[in-house]
mmCIF file of all heavy atoms, coordinates in Angstrom:
data_MODEL
# 
_entry.id   MODEL 
# 
loop_
_atom_site.group_PDB 
_atom_site.id 
_atom_site.type_symbol 
_atom_site.label_atom_id 
_atom_site.label_alt_id 
_atom_site.label_comp_id 
_atom_site.label_asym_id 
_atom_site.label_entity_id 
_atom_site.label_seq_id 
_atom_site.pdbx_PDB_ins_code 
_atom_site.Cartn_x 
_atom_site.Cartn_y 
_atom_site.Cartn_z 
_atom_site.occupancy 
_atom_site.B_iso_or_equiv 
_atom_site.pdbx_formal_charge 
_atom_site.auth_seq_id 
_atom_site.auth_comp_id 
_atom_site.auth_asym_id 
_atom_site.auth_atom_id 
_atom_site.pdbx_PDB_model_num 
ATOM 1   N N   . TRP A 1 1  ? 0.790  -1.180 -0.005  1.00 0.00 ? 1  TRP A N   1 
ATOM 2   C CA  . TRP A 1 1  ? -0.013 0.015  -0.015  1.00 0.00 ? 1  TRP A CA  1 
ATOM 3   C C   . TRP A 1 1  ? 0.845  1.278  -0.008  1.00 0.00 ? 1  TRP A C   1 
ATOM 4   O O   . TRP A 1 1  ? 0.426  2.356  -0.431  1.00 0.00 ? 1  TRP A O   1 
ATOM 5   C CB  . TRP A 1 1  ? -0.952 0.008  1.180   1.00 0.00 ? 1  TRP A CB  1 
ATOM 6   C CG  . TRP A 1 1  ? -2.083 -1.011 0.963   1.00 0.00 ? 1  TRP A CG  1 
ATOM 7   C CD1 . TRP A 1 1  ? -2.243 -2.172 1.560   1.00 0.00 ? 1  TRP A CD1 1 
ATOM 8   C CD2 . TRP A 1 1  ? -3.139 -0.869 0.019   1.00 0.00 ? 1  TRP A CD2 1 
ATOM 9   N NE1 . TRP A 1 1  ? -3.376 -2.849 1.058   1.00 0.00 ? 1  TRP A NE1 1 
ATOM 10  C CE2 . TRP A 1 1  ? -3.943 -2.039 0.146   1.00 0.00 ? 1  TRP A CE2 1 
ATOM 11  C CE3 . TRP A 1 1  ? -3.527 0.113  -0.907  1.00 0.00 ? 1  TRP A CE3 1 
ATOM 12  C CZ2 . TRP A 1 1  ? -5.074 -2.259 -0.631  1.00 0.00 ? 1  TRP A CZ2 1 
ATOM 13  C CZ3 . TRP A 1 1  ? -4.651 -0.106 -1.656  1.00 0.00 ? 1  TRP A CZ3 1 
ATOM 14  C CH2 . TRP A 1 1  ? -5.408 -1.255 -1.537  1.00 0.00 ? 1  TRP A CH2 1 
ATOM 15  N N   . SER A 1 2  ? 2.083  1.193  0.430   1.00 0.00 ? 2  SER A N   1 
ATOM 16  C CA  . SER A 1 2  ? 2.936  2.374  0.386   1.00 0.00 ? 2  SER A CA  1 
ATOM 17  C C   . SER A 1 2  ? 3.201  2.750  -1.067  1.00 0.00 ? 2  SER A C   1 
ATOM 18  O O   . SER A 1 2  ? 3.135  3.955  -1.448  1.00 0.00 ? 2  SER A O   1 
ATOM 19  C CB  . SER A 1 2  ? 4.256  2.129  1.099   1.00 0.00 ? 2  SER A CB  1 
ATOM 20  O OG  . SER A 1 2  ? 4.896  0.995  0.516   1.00 0.00 ? 2  SER A OG  1 
ATOM 21  N N   . THR A 1 3  ? 3.427  1.709  -1.918  1.00 0.00 ? 3  THR A N   1 
ATOM 22  C CA  . THR A 1 3  ? 3.664  2.000  -3.328  1.00 0.00 ? 3  THR A CA  1 
ATOM 23  C C   . THR A 1 3  ? 2.366  2.447  -3.967  1.00 0.00 ? 3  THR A C   1 
ATOM 24  O O   . THR A 1 3  ? 2.390  3.418  -4.797  1.00 0.00 ? 3  THR A O   1 
ATOM 25  C CB  . THR A 1 3  ? 4.176  0.704  -4.051  1.00 0.00 ? 3  THR A CB  1 
ATOM 26  O OG1 . THR A 1 3  ? 5.398  0.319  -3.479  1.00 0.00 ? 3  THR A OG1 1 
ATOM 27  C CG2 . THR A 1 3  ? 4.405  1.013  -5.516  1.00 0.00 ? 3  THR A CG2 1 
ATOM 28  N N   . VAL A 1 4  ? 1.248  1.764  -3.717  1.00 0.00 ? 4  VAL A N   1 
ATOM 29  C CA  . VAL A 1 4  ? -0.028 2.137  -4.282  1.00 0.00 ? 4  VAL A CA  1 
ATOM 30  C C   . VAL A 1 4  ? -0.338 3.603  -3.883  1.00 0.00 ? 4  VAL A C   1 
ATOM 31  O O   . VAL A 1 4  ? -0.844 4.376  -4.726  1.00 0.00 ? 4  VAL A O   1 
ATOM 32  C CB  . VAL A 1 4  ? -1.137 1.201  -3.824  1.00 0.00 ? 4  VAL A CB  1 
ATOM 33  C CG1 . VAL A 1 4  ? -2.491 1.692  -4.276  1.00 0.00 ? 4  VAL A CG1 1 
ATOM 34  C CG2 . VAL A 1 4  ? -0.852 -0.244 -4.364  1.00 0.00 ? 4  VAL A CG2 1 
ATOM 35  N N   . ARG A 1 5  ? -0.093 3.947  -2.650  1.00 0.00 ? 5  ARG A N   1 
ATOM 36  C CA  . ARG A 1 5  ? -0.378 5.325  -2.185  1.00 0.00 ? 5  ARG A CA  1 
ATOM 37  C C   . ARG A 1 5  ? 0.489  6.318  -2.960  1.00 0.00 ? 5  ARG A C   1 
ATOM 38  O O   . ARG A 1 5  ? 0.048  7.357  -3.406  1.00 0.00 ? 5  ARG A O   1 
ATOM 39  C CB  . ARG A 1 5  ? -0.037 5.440  -0.709  1.00 0.00 ? 5  ARG A CB  1 
ATOM 40  C CG  . ARG A 1 5  ? -0.436 6.821  -0.171  1.00 0.00 ? 5  ARG A CG  1 
ATOM 41  C CD  . ARG A 1 5  ? -0.165 6.897  1.370   1.00 0.00 ? 5  ARG A CD  1 
ATOM 42  N NE  . ARG A 1 5  ? 1.262  6.709  1.666   1.00 0.00 ? 5  ARG A NE  1 
ATOM 43  C CZ  . ARG A 1 5  ? 1.749  5.624  2.275   1.00 0.00 ? 5  ARG A CZ  1 
ATOM 44  N NH1 . ARG A 1 5  ? 0.956  4.630  2.649   1.00 0.00 ? 5  ARG A NH1 1 
ATOM 45  N NH2 . ARG A 1 5  ? 3.046  5.505  2.535   1.00 0.00 ? 5  ARG A NH2 1 
ATOM 46  N N   . ASN A 1 6  ? 1.779  5.999  -3.210  1.00 0.00 ? 6  ASN A N   1 
ATOM 47  C CA  . ASN A 1 6  ? 2.645  6.847  -3.987  1.00 0.00 ? 6  ASN A CA  1 
ATOM 48  C C   . ASN A 1 6  ? 2.166  6.958  -5.422  1.00 0.00 ? 6  ASN A C   1 
ATOM 49  O O   . ASN A 1 6  ? 2.224  8.097  -6.008  1.00 0.00 ? 6  ASN A O   1 
ATOM 50  C CB  . ASN A 1 6  ? 4.130  6.357  -3.936  1.00 0.00 ? 6  ASN A CB  1 
ATOM 51  C CG  . ASN A 1 6  ? 4.735  6.556  -2.557  1.00 0.00 ? 6  ASN A CG  1 
ATOM 52  O OD1 . ASN A 1 6  ? 4.273  7.356  -1.796  1.00 0.00 ? 6  ASN A OD1 1 
ATOM 53  N ND2 . ASN A 1 6  ? 5.748  5.735  -2.268  1.00 0.00 ? 6  ASN A ND2 1 
ATOM 54  N N   . LEU A 1 7  ? 1.757  5.867  -5.949  1.00 0.00 ? 7  LEU A N   1 
ATOM 55  C CA  . LEU A 1 7  ? 1.261  5.925  -7.383  1.00 0.00 ? 7  LEU A CA  1 
ATOM 56  C C   . LEU A 1 7  ? -0.007 6.778  -7.487  1.00 0.00 ? 7  LEU A C   1 
ATOM 57  O O   . LEU A 1 7  ? -0.138 7.583  -8.384  1.00 0.00 ? 7  LEU A O   1 
ATOM 58  C CB  . LEU A 1 7  ? 0.970  4.465  -7.864  1.00 0.00 ? 7  LEU A CB  1 
ATOM 59  C CG  . LEU A 1 7  ? 2.136  3.559  -8.096  1.00 0.00 ? 7  LEU A CG  1 
ATOM 60  C CD1 . LEU A 1 7  ? 1.642  2.170  -8.448  1.00 0.00 ? 7  LEU A CD1 1 
ATOM 61  C CD2 . LEU A 1 7  ? 3.061  4.085  -9.164  1.00 0.00 ? 7  LEU A CD2 1 
ATOM 62  N N   . LEU A 1 8  ? -0.879 6.604  -6.483  1.00 0.00 ? 8  LEU A N   1 
ATOM 63  C CA  . LEU A 1 8  ? -2.128 7.451  -6.496  1.00 0.00 ? 8  LEU A CA  1 
ATOM 64  C C   . LEU A 1 8  ? -1.788 8.924  -6.286  1.00 0.00 ? 8  LEU A C   1 
ATOM 65  O O   . LEU A 1 8  ? -2.407 9.801  -6.901  1.00 0.00 ? 8  LEU A O   1 
ATOM 66  C CB  . LEU A 1 8  ? -3.074 6.952  -5.390  1.00 0.00 ? 8  LEU A CB  1 
ATOM 67  C CG  . LEU A 1 8  ? -3.774 5.577  -5.661  1.00 0.00 ? 8  LEU A CG  1 
ATOM 68  C CD1 . LEU A 1 8  ? -4.541 5.151  -4.453  1.00 0.00 ? 8  LEU A CD1 1 
ATOM 69  C CD2 . LEU A 1 8  ? -4.697 5.699  -6.881  1.00 0.00 ? 8  LEU A CD2 1 
ATOM 70  N N   . MET A 1 9  ? -0.816 9.158  -5.428  1.00 0.00 ? 9  MET A N   1 
ATOM 71  C CA  . MET A 1 9  ? -0.386 10.556 -5.208  1.00 0.00 ? 9  MET A CA  1 
ATOM 72  C C   . MET A 1 9  ? 0.142  11.195 -6.475  1.00 0.00 ? 9  MET A C   1 
ATOM 73  O O   . MET A 1 9  ? -0.144 12.320 -6.836  1.00 0.00 ? 9  MET A O   1 
ATOM 74  C CB  . MET A 1 9  ? 0.648  10.612 -4.074  1.00 0.00 ? 9  MET A CB  1 
ATOM 75  C CG  . MET A 1 9  ? 0.072  10.429 -2.706  1.00 0.00 ? 9  MET A CG  1 
ATOM 76  S SD  . MET A 1 9  ? -0.980 11.782 -2.139  1.00 0.00 ? 9  MET A SD  1 
ATOM 77  C CE  . MET A 1 9  ? 0.259  13.076 -1.926  1.00 0.00 ? 9  MET A CE  1 
ATOM 78  N N   . ALA A 1 10 ? 1.011  10.387 -7.172  1.00 0.00 ? 10 ALA A N   1 
ATOM 79  C CA  . ALA A 1 10 ? 1.526  10.907 -8.415  1.00 0.00 ? 10 ALA A CA  1 
ATOM 80  C C   . ALA A 1 10 ? 0.437  11.121 -9.430  1.00 0.00 ? 10 ALA A C   1 
ATOM 81  O O   . ALA A 1 10 ? 0.434  12.100 -10.188 1.00 0.00 ? 10 ALA A O   1 
ATOM 82  C CB  . ALA A 1 10 ? 2.565  9.909  -9.000  1.00 0.00 ? 10 ALA A CB  1 
ATOM 83  N N   . TRP A 1 11 ? -0.591 10.204 -9.440  1.00 0.00 ? 11 TRP A N   1 
ATOM 84  C CA  . TRP A 1 11 ? -1.737 10.357 -10.318 1.00 0.00 ? 11 TRP A CA  1 
ATOM 85  C C   . TRP A 1 11 ? -2.516 11.630 -10.052 1.00 0.00 ? 11 TRP A C   1 
ATOM 86  O O   . TRP A 1 11 ? -2.911 12.407 -10.941 1.00 0.00 ? 11 TRP A O   1 
ATOM 87  C CB  . TRP A 1 11 ? -2.595 9.123  -10.196 1.00 0.00 ? 11 TRP A CB  1 
ATOM 88  C CG  . TRP A 1 11 ? -3.697 9.034  -11.227 1.00 0.00 ? 11 TRP A CG  1 
ATOM 89  C CD1 . TRP A 1 11 ? -3.801 9.610  -12.482 1.00 0.00 ? 11 TRP A CD1 1 
ATOM 90  C CD2 . TRP A 1 11 ? -4.923 8.246  -11.133 1.00 0.00 ? 11 TRP A CD2 1 
ATOM 91  N NE1 . TRP A 1 11 ? -4.912 9.282  -13.095 1.00 0.00 ? 11 TRP A NE1 1 
ATOM 92  C CE2 . TRP A 1 11 ? -5.668 8.417  -12.315 1.00 0.00 ? 11 TRP A CE2 1 
ATOM 93  C CE3 . TRP A 1 11 ? -5.408 7.390  -10.152 1.00 0.00 ? 11 TRP A CE3 1 
ATOM 94  C CZ2 . TRP A 1 11 ? -6.887 7.834  -12.480 1.00 0.00 ? 11 TRP A CZ2 1 
ATOM 95  C CZ3 . TRP A 1 11 ? -6.652 6.813  -10.335 1.00 0.00 ? 11 TRP A CZ3 1 
ATOM 96  C CH2 . TRP A 1 11 ? -7.340 6.987  -11.570 1.00 0.00 ? 11 TRP A CH2 1 
ATOM 97  N N   . VAL A 1 12 ? -2.812 11.798 -8.764  1.00 0.00 ? 12 VAL A N   1 
ATOM 98  C CA  . VAL A 1 12 ? -3.625 12.993 -8.337  1.00 0.00 ? 12 VAL A CA  1 
ATOM 99  C C   . VAL A 1 12 ? -2.867 14.279 -8.513  1.00 0.00 ? 12 VAL A C   1 
ATOM 100 O O   . VAL A 1 12 ? -3.489 15.271 -8.950  1.00 0.00 ? 12 VAL A O   1 
ATOM 101 C CB  . VAL A 1 12 ? -4.061 12.765 -6.853  1.00 0.00 ? 12 VAL A CB  1 
ATOM 102 C CG1 . VAL A 1 12 ? -4.718 14.047 -6.325  1.00 0.00 ? 12 VAL A CG1 1 
ATOM 103 C CG2 . VAL A 1 12 ? -5.007 11.587 -6.715  1.00 0.00 ? 12 VAL A CG2 1 
ATOM 104 N N   . LEU A 1 13 ? -1.567 14.302 -8.195  1.00 0.00 ? 13 LEU A N   1 
ATOM 105 C CA  . LEU A 1 13 ? -0.823 15.518 -8.196  1.00 0.00 ? 13 LEU A CA  1 
ATOM 106 C C   . LEU A 1 13 ? -0.345 15.933 -9.586  1.00 0.00 ? 13 LEU A C   1 
ATOM 107 O O   . LEU A 1 13 ? -0.070 17.125 -9.799  1.00 0.00 ? 13 LEU A O   1 
ATOM 108 C CB  . LEU A 1 13 ? 0.406  15.431 -7.284  1.00 0.00 ? 13 LEU A CB  1 
ATOM 109 C CG  . LEU A 1 13 ? 0.074  15.323 -5.788  1.00 0.00 ? 13 LEU A CG  1 
ATOM 110 C CD1 . LEU A 1 13 ? 1.344  15.150 -4.966  1.00 0.00 ? 13 LEU A CD1 1 
ATOM 111 C CD2 . LEU A 1 13 ? -0.615 16.607 -5.295  1.00 0.00 ? 13 LEU A CD2 1 
ATOM 112 N N   . THR A 1 14 ? -0.310 15.024 -10.517 1.00 0.00 ? 14 THR A N   1 
ATOM 113 C CA  . THR A 1 14 ? 0.268  15.310 -11.817 1.00 0.00 ? 14 THR A CA  1 
ATOM 114 C C   . THR A 1 14 ? -0.437 16.463 -12.538 1.00 0.00 ? 14 THR A C   1 
ATOM 115 O O   . THR A 1 14 ? 0.208  17.372 -13.002 1.00 0.00 ? 14 THR A O   1 
ATOM 116 C CB  . THR A 1 14 ? 0.254  14.058 -12.762 1.00 0.00 ? 14 THR A CB  1 
ATOM 117 O OG1 . THR A 1 14 ? 1.261  13.110 -12.234 1.00 0.00 ? 14 THR A OG1 1 
ATOM 118 C CG2 . THR A 1 14 ? 0.611  14.397 -14.164 1.00 0.00 ? 14 THR A CG2 1 
ATOM 119 N N   . LEU A 1 15 ? -1.749 16.389 -12.578 1.00 0.00 ? 15 LEU A N   1 
ATOM 120 C CA  . LEU A 1 15 ? -2.530 17.445 -13.261 1.00 0.00 ? 15 LEU A CA  1 
ATOM 121 C C   . LEU A 1 15 ? -2.307 18.823 -12.615 1.00 0.00 ? 15 LEU A C   1 
ATOM 122 O O   . LEU A 1 15 ? -1.856 19.753 -13.308 1.00 0.00 ? 15 LEU A O   1 
ATOM 123 C CB  . LEU A 1 15 ? -3.992 17.103 -13.353 1.00 0.00 ? 15 LEU A CB  1 
ATOM 124 C CG  . LEU A 1 15 ? -4.410 16.165 -14.479 1.00 0.00 ? 15 LEU A CG  1 
ATOM 125 C CD1 . LEU A 1 15 ? -5.897 15.820 -14.396 1.00 0.00 ? 15 LEU A CD1 1 
ATOM 126 C CD2 . LEU A 1 15 ? -4.088 16.782 -15.854 1.00 0.00 ? 15 LEU A CD2 1 
ATOM 127 N N   . PRO A 1 16 ? -2.584 18.990 -11.301 1.00 0.00 ? 16 PRO A N   1 
ATOM 128 C CA  . PRO A 1 16 ? -2.339 20.323 -10.745 1.00 0.00 ? 16 PRO A CA  1 
ATOM 129 C C   . PRO A 1 16 ? -0.884 20.795 -10.816 1.00 0.00 ? 16 PRO A C   1 
ATOM 130 O O   . PRO A 1 16 ? -0.610 21.968 -11.039 1.00 0.00 ? 16 PRO A O   1 
ATOM 131 C CB  . PRO A 1 16 ? -2.852 20.208 -9.293  1.00 0.00 ? 16 PRO A CB  1 
ATOM 132 C CG  . PRO A 1 16 ? -2.881 18.732 -9.028  1.00 0.00 ? 16 PRO A CG  1 
ATOM 133 C CD  . PRO A 1 16 ? -3.137 18.084 -10.314 1.00 0.00 ? 16 PRO A CD  1 
ATOM 134 N N   . ALA A 1 17 ? 0.054  19.875 -10.629 1.00 0.00 ? 17 ALA A N   1 
ATOM 135 C CA  . ALA A 1 17 ? 1.472  20.287 -10.628 1.00 0.00 ? 17 ALA A CA  1 
ATOM 136 C C   . ALA A 1 17 ? 1.854  20.785 -12.035 1.00 0.00 ? 17 ALA A C   1 
ATOM 137 O O   . ALA A 1 17 ? 2.523  21.797 -12.224 1.00 0.00 ? 17 ALA A O   1 
ATOM 138 C CB  . ALA A 1 17 ? 2.372  19.108 -10.201 1.00 0.00 ? 17 ALA A CB  1 
ATOM 139 N N   . SER A 1 18 ? 1.453  19.997 -13.057 1.00 0.00 ? 18 SER A N   1 
ATOM 140 C CA  . SER A 1 18 ? 1.838  20.345 -14.426 1.00 0.00 ? 18 SER A CA  1 
ATOM 141 C C   . SER A 1 18 ? 1.050  21.578 -14.871 1.00 0.00 ? 18 SER A C   1 
ATOM 142 O O   . SER A 1 18 ? 1.618  22.395 -15.641 1.00 0.00 ? 18 SER A O   1 
ATOM 143 C CB  . SER A 1 18 ? 1.552  19.196 -15.360 1.00 0.00 ? 18 SER A CB  1 
ATOM 144 O OG  . SER A 1 18 ? 0.234  18.726 -15.260 1.00 0.00 ? 18 SER A OG  1 
ATOM 145 N N   . ILE A 1 19 ? -0.160 21.796 -14.411 1.00 0.00 ? 19 ILE A N   1 
ATOM 146 C CA  . ILE A 1 19 ? -0.885 23.007 -14.712 1.00 0.00 ? 19 ILE A CA  1 
ATOM 147 C C   . ILE A 1 19 ? -0.187 24.256 -14.164 1.00 0.00 ? 19 ILE A C   1 
ATOM 148 O O   . ILE A 1 19 ? 0.023  25.225 -14.873 1.00 0.00 ? 19 ILE A O   1 
ATOM 149 C CB  . ILE A 1 19 ? -2.343 22.945 -14.099 1.00 0.00 ? 19 ILE A CB  1 
ATOM 150 C CG1 . ILE A 1 19 ? -3.171 21.958 -14.953 1.00 0.00 ? 19 ILE A CG1 1 
ATOM 151 C CG2 . ILE A 1 19 ? -2.997 24.344 -14.125 1.00 0.00 ? 19 ILE A CG2 1 
ATOM 152 C CD1 . ILE A 1 19 ? -4.523 21.622 -14.357 1.00 0.00 ? 19 ILE A CD1 1 
ATOM 153 N N   . LEU A 1 20 ? 0.250  24.153 -12.890 1.00 0.00 ? 20 LEU A N   1 
ATOM 154 C CA  . LEU A 1 20 ? 0.933  25.278 -12.261 1.00 0.00 ? 20 LEU A CA  1 
ATOM 155 C C   . LEU A 1 20 ? 2.287  25.532 -12.931 1.00 0.00 ? 20 LEU A C   1 
ATOM 156 O O   . LEU A 1 20 ? 2.678  26.685 -13.203 1.00 0.00 ? 20 LEU A O   1 
ATOM 157 C CB  . LEU A 1 20 ? 1.132  25.041 -10.793 1.00 0.00 ? 20 LEU A CB  1 
ATOM 158 C CG  . LEU A 1 20 ? -0.191 25.060 -9.937  1.00 0.00 ? 20 LEU A CG  1 
ATOM 159 C CD1 . LEU A 1 20 ? 0.124  24.628 -8.502  1.00 0.00 ? 20 LEU A CD1 1 
ATOM 160 C CD2 . LEU A 1 20 ? -0.780 26.501 -9.964  1.00 0.00 ? 20 LEU A CD2 1 
ATOM 161 N N   . LEU A 1 21 ? 3.046  24.434 -13.190 1.00 0.00 ? 21 LEU A N   1 
ATOM 162 C CA  . LEU A 1 21 ? 4.343  24.582 -13.846 1.00 0.00 ? 21 LEU A CA  1 
ATOM 163 C C   . LEU A 1 21 ? 4.238  25.228 -15.204 1.00 0.00 ? 21 LEU A C   1 
ATOM 164 O O   . LEU A 1 21 ? 4.959  26.177 -15.493 1.00 0.00 ? 21 LEU A O   1 
ATOM 165 C CB  . LEU A 1 21 ? 5.040  23.214 -13.927 1.00 0.00 ? 21 LEU A CB  1 
ATOM 166 C CG  . LEU A 1 21 ? 5.930  22.760 -12.842 1.00 0.00 ? 21 LEU A CG  1 
ATOM 167 C CD1 . LEU A 1 21 ? 6.318  21.301 -13.108 1.00 0.00 ? 21 LEU A CD1 1 
ATOM 168 C CD2 . LEU A 1 21 ? 7.144  23.623 -12.749 1.00 0.00 ? 21 LEU A CD2 1 
ATOM 169 N N   . ALA A 1 22 ? 3.352  24.701 -16.036 1.00 0.00 ? 22 ALA A N   1 
ATOM 170 C CA  . ALA A 1 22 ? 3.222  25.185 -17.378 1.00 0.00 ? 22 ALA A CA  1 
ATOM 171 C C   . ALA A 1 22 ? 2.691  26.610 -17.399 1.00 0.00 ? 22 ALA A C   1 
ATOM 172 O O   . ALA A 1 22 ? 3.169  27.435 -18.172 1.00 0.00 ? 22 ALA A O   1 
ATOM 173 C CB  . ALA A 1 22 ? 2.341  24.255 -18.180 1.00 0.00 ? 22 ALA A CB  1 
ATOM 174 N N   . GLY A 1 23 ? 1.683  26.879 -16.576 1.00 0.00 ? 23 GLY A N   1 
ATOM 175 C CA  . GLY A 1 23 ? 1.133  28.235 -16.521 1.00 0.00 ? 23 GLY A CA  1 
ATOM 176 C C   . GLY A 1 23 ? 2.138  29.265 -16.086 1.00 0.00 ? 23 GLY A C   1 
ATOM 177 O O   . GLY A 1 23 ? 2.259  30.344 -16.702 1.00 0.00 ? 23 GLY A O   1 
ATOM 178 N N   . GLY A 1 24 ? 2.909  28.950 -15.048 1.00 0.00 ? 24 GLY A N   1 
ATOM 179 C CA  . GLY A 1 24 ? 3.983  29.848 -14.590 1.00 0.00 ? 24 GLY A CA  1 
ATOM 180 C C   . GLY A 1 24 ? 5.051  30.089 -15.632 1.00 0.00 ? 24 GLY A C   1 
ATOM 181 O O   . GLY A 1 24 ? 5.473  31.210 -15.882 1.00 0.00 ? 24 GLY A O   1 
ATOM 182 N N   . LEU A 1 25 ? 5.494  28.962 -16.249 1.00 0.00 ? 25 LEU A N   1 
ATOM 183 C CA  . LEU A 1 25 ? 6.513  29.126 -17.312 1.00 0.00 ? 25 LEU A CA  1 
ATOM 184 C C   . LEU A 1 25 ? 6.009  29.941 -18.525 1.00 0.00 ? 25 LEU A C   1 
ATOM 185 O O   . LEU A 1 25 ? 6.721  30.720 -19.103 1.00 0.00 ? 25 LEU A O   1 
ATOM 186 C CB  . LEU A 1 25 ? 6.936  27.712 -17.778 1.00 0.00 ? 25 LEU A CB  1 
ATOM 187 C CG  . LEU A 1 25 ? 7.867  26.949 -16.886 1.00 0.00 ? 25 LEU A CG  1 
ATOM 188 C CD1 . LEU A 1 25 ? 8.028  25.487 -17.359 1.00 0.00 ? 25 LEU A CD1 1 
ATOM 189 C CD2 . LEU A 1 25 ? 9.277  27.591 -16.837 1.00 0.00 ? 25 LEU A CD2 1 
ATOM 190 N N   . TYR A 1 26 ? 4.710  29.711 -18.829 1.00 0.00 ? 26 TYR A N   1 
ATOM 191 C CA  . TYR A 1 26 ? 4.165  30.471 -19.971 1.00 0.00 ? 26 TYR A CA  1 
ATOM 192 C C   . TYR A 1 26 ? 4.147  31.973 -19.696 1.00 0.00 ? 26 TYR A C   1 
ATOM 193 O O   . TYR A 1 26 ? 4.563  32.775 -20.548 1.00 0.00 ? 26 TYR A O   1 
ATOM 194 C CB  . TYR A 1 26 ? 2.760  30.002 -20.239 1.00 0.00 ? 26 TYR A CB  1 
ATOM 195 C CG  . TYR A 1 26 ? 2.050  30.770 -21.344 1.00 0.00 ? 26 TYR A CG  1 
ATOM 196 C CD1 . TYR A 1 26 ? 2.427  30.580 -22.706 1.00 0.00 ? 26 TYR A CD1 1 
ATOM 197 C CD2 . TYR A 1 26 ? 1.048  31.633 -21.077 1.00 0.00 ? 26 TYR A CD2 1 
ATOM 198 C CE1 . TYR A 1 26 ? 1.797  31.283 -23.711 1.00 0.00 ? 26 TYR A CE1 1 
ATOM 199 C CE2 . TYR A 1 26 ? 0.379  32.378 -22.103 1.00 0.00 ? 26 TYR A CE2 1 
ATOM 200 C CZ  . TYR A 1 26 ? 0.773  32.160 -23.435 1.00 0.00 ? 26 TYR A CZ  1 
ATOM 201 O OH  . TYR A 1 26 ? 0.157  32.886 -24.356 1.00 0.00 ? 26 TYR A OH  1 
ATOM 202 N N   . ILE A 1 27 ? 3.757  32.379 -18.551 1.00 0.00 ? 27 ILE A N   1 
ATOM 203 C CA  . ILE A 1 27 ? 3.727  33.799 -18.170 1.00 0.00 ? 27 ILE A CA  1 
ATOM 204 C C   . ILE A 1 27 ? 5.111  34.364 -18.242 1.00 0.00 ? 27 ILE A C   1 
ATOM 205 O O   . ILE A 1 27 ? 5.360  35.489 -18.753 1.00 0.00 ? 27 ILE A O   1 
ATOM 206 C CB  . ILE A 1 27 ? 3.070  33.978 -16.803 1.00 0.00 ? 27 ILE A CB  1 
ATOM 207 C CG1 . ILE A 1 27 ? 1.595  33.641 -16.836 1.00 0.00 ? 27 ILE A CG1 1 
ATOM 208 C CG2 . ILE A 1 27 ? 3.271  35.407 -16.294 1.00 0.00 ? 27 ILE A CG2 1 
ATOM 209 C CD1 . ILE A 1 27 ? 0.892  33.645 -15.526 1.00 0.00 ? 27 ILE A CD1 1 
ATOM 210 N N   . VAL A 1 28 ? 6.116  33.615 -17.668 1.00 0.00 ? 28 VAL A N   1 
ATOM 211 C CA  . VAL A 1 28 ? 7.513  34.115 -17.713 1.00 0.00 ? 28 VAL A CA  1 
ATOM 212 C C   . VAL A 1 28 ? 8.026  34.228 -19.109 1.00 0.00 ? 28 VAL A C   1 
ATOM 213 O O   . VAL A 1 28 ? 8.631  35.216 -19.491 1.00 0.00 ? 28 VAL A O   1 
ATOM 214 C CB  . VAL A 1 28 ? 8.425  33.157 -16.867 1.00 0.00 ? 28 VAL A CB  1 
ATOM 215 C CG1 . VAL A 1 28 ? 9.902  33.491 -17.098 1.00 0.00 ? 28 VAL A CG1 1 
ATOM 216 C CG2 . VAL A 1 28 ? 8.071  33.182 -15.405 1.00 0.00 ? 28 VAL A CG2 1 
# 
């Protein structure tokens, strides 16, 4: 479950993290 939890975290966080990263880079 530690691995499953990490996989789920990566799944859940990927969209918001990439949205923030790309949006910030685009403005810069």
